Protein backbone atom coordinates (compact mmCIF):
# COMPACT_ATOMS: atom_id res chain seq x y z
CA MET A 1 -77.22 -58.19 -45.91
CA LYS A 2 -77.45 -56.51 -49.78
CA LEU A 3 -76.09 -53.20 -50.41
CA SER A 4 -79.80 -52.58 -51.83
CA GLU A 5 -81.24 -53.27 -48.31
CA ILE A 6 -78.79 -51.11 -46.75
CA LEU A 7 -79.65 -48.34 -48.87
CA ASN A 8 -83.25 -48.86 -49.02
CA GLY A 9 -84.95 -45.69 -48.77
CA ALA A 10 -81.80 -43.14 -49.03
CA ARG A 11 -82.19 -40.44 -51.09
CA ARG A 12 -78.61 -39.00 -50.85
CA ILE A 13 -75.34 -40.66 -49.74
CA GLY A 14 -71.69 -40.05 -49.20
CA ILE A 15 -69.10 -42.15 -49.86
CA THR A 16 -65.52 -41.50 -48.42
CA GLY A 17 -62.04 -43.15 -48.31
CA HIS A 18 -58.90 -42.57 -45.93
CA VAL A 19 -56.33 -39.76 -45.57
CA ARG A 20 -53.99 -39.60 -48.84
CA PRO A 21 -55.88 -42.26 -50.89
CA ASP A 22 -53.89 -44.85 -52.41
CA GLY A 23 -54.99 -46.84 -55.50
CA ASP A 24 -57.22 -49.20 -53.58
CA CYS A 25 -58.89 -46.23 -51.70
CA VAL A 26 -59.70 -44.61 -55.04
CA GLY A 27 -60.60 -47.47 -57.06
CA SER A 28 -62.72 -49.10 -54.36
CA VAL A 29 -64.66 -45.66 -53.79
CA LEU A 30 -65.25 -44.92 -57.35
CA GLY A 31 -66.49 -48.79 -57.95
CA LEU A 32 -69.07 -48.26 -55.48
CA TYR A 33 -69.86 -44.93 -56.68
CA ASN A 34 -70.08 -46.45 -60.14
CA TYR A 35 -72.22 -49.37 -59.28
CA ILE A 36 -74.82 -47.40 -57.19
CA THR A 37 -75.27 -44.19 -60.05
CA GLU A 38 -75.52 -47.43 -62.42
CA ASN A 39 -77.71 -49.53 -60.51
CA MET A 40 -79.51 -47.22 -58.11
CA PRO A 41 -80.43 -43.90 -60.10
CA ASP A 42 -82.29 -42.51 -57.55
CA ILE A 43 -80.00 -42.00 -55.03
CA GLN A 44 -77.84 -39.04 -55.34
CA THR A 45 -74.18 -39.92 -54.59
CA ASP A 46 -71.47 -37.86 -53.80
CA VAL A 47 -67.36 -39.07 -53.26
CA TYR A 48 -65.56 -36.99 -50.96
CA LEU A 49 -61.49 -37.64 -51.27
CA GLU A 50 -58.62 -35.61 -50.94
CA GLU A 51 -57.50 -34.84 -54.59
CA PRO A 52 -56.05 -37.89 -55.80
CA GLY A 53 -52.86 -38.14 -57.86
CA SER A 54 -53.18 -38.01 -61.83
CA GLU A 55 -52.33 -41.43 -62.09
CA PHE A 56 -55.18 -42.26 -61.13
CA GLY A 57 -57.17 -40.17 -64.15
CA TYR A 58 -57.82 -43.16 -66.28
CA ILE A 59 -60.64 -44.43 -63.51
CA LYS A 60 -64.26 -44.06 -64.62
CA ASN A 61 -65.91 -40.82 -62.95
CA ILE A 62 -62.46 -39.44 -61.48
CA ASN A 63 -63.72 -36.20 -62.00
CA VAL A 64 -66.65 -36.55 -59.77
CA ILE A 65 -64.86 -36.39 -56.46
CA LYS A 66 -65.16 -33.46 -54.40
CA ASN A 67 -62.47 -32.23 -52.20
CA ALA A 68 -64.77 -30.51 -49.37
CA PRO A 69 -68.27 -31.40 -48.15
CA GLU A 70 -71.02 -29.05 -49.50
CA ALA A 71 -73.80 -27.71 -47.58
CA CYS A 72 -76.41 -30.57 -46.98
CA GLU A 73 -79.89 -29.87 -47.42
CA TYR A 74 -82.41 -31.98 -45.23
């Protein structure tokens, strides 16, 4: 199944990883975020992770990570 099929009809999604995110976690979460925002701009996408270490500061859109979920409006 393609990601576009899975997200068909979605207006807002959240992406998260595991506790104490390592490089694989941070990179894959932000890779997915970057892909979705570039290819499916109509979907509002949020990323939730514990604050990653400064060594990951070079990853594109590292600044979009939220540390606590906001209230969702449906």
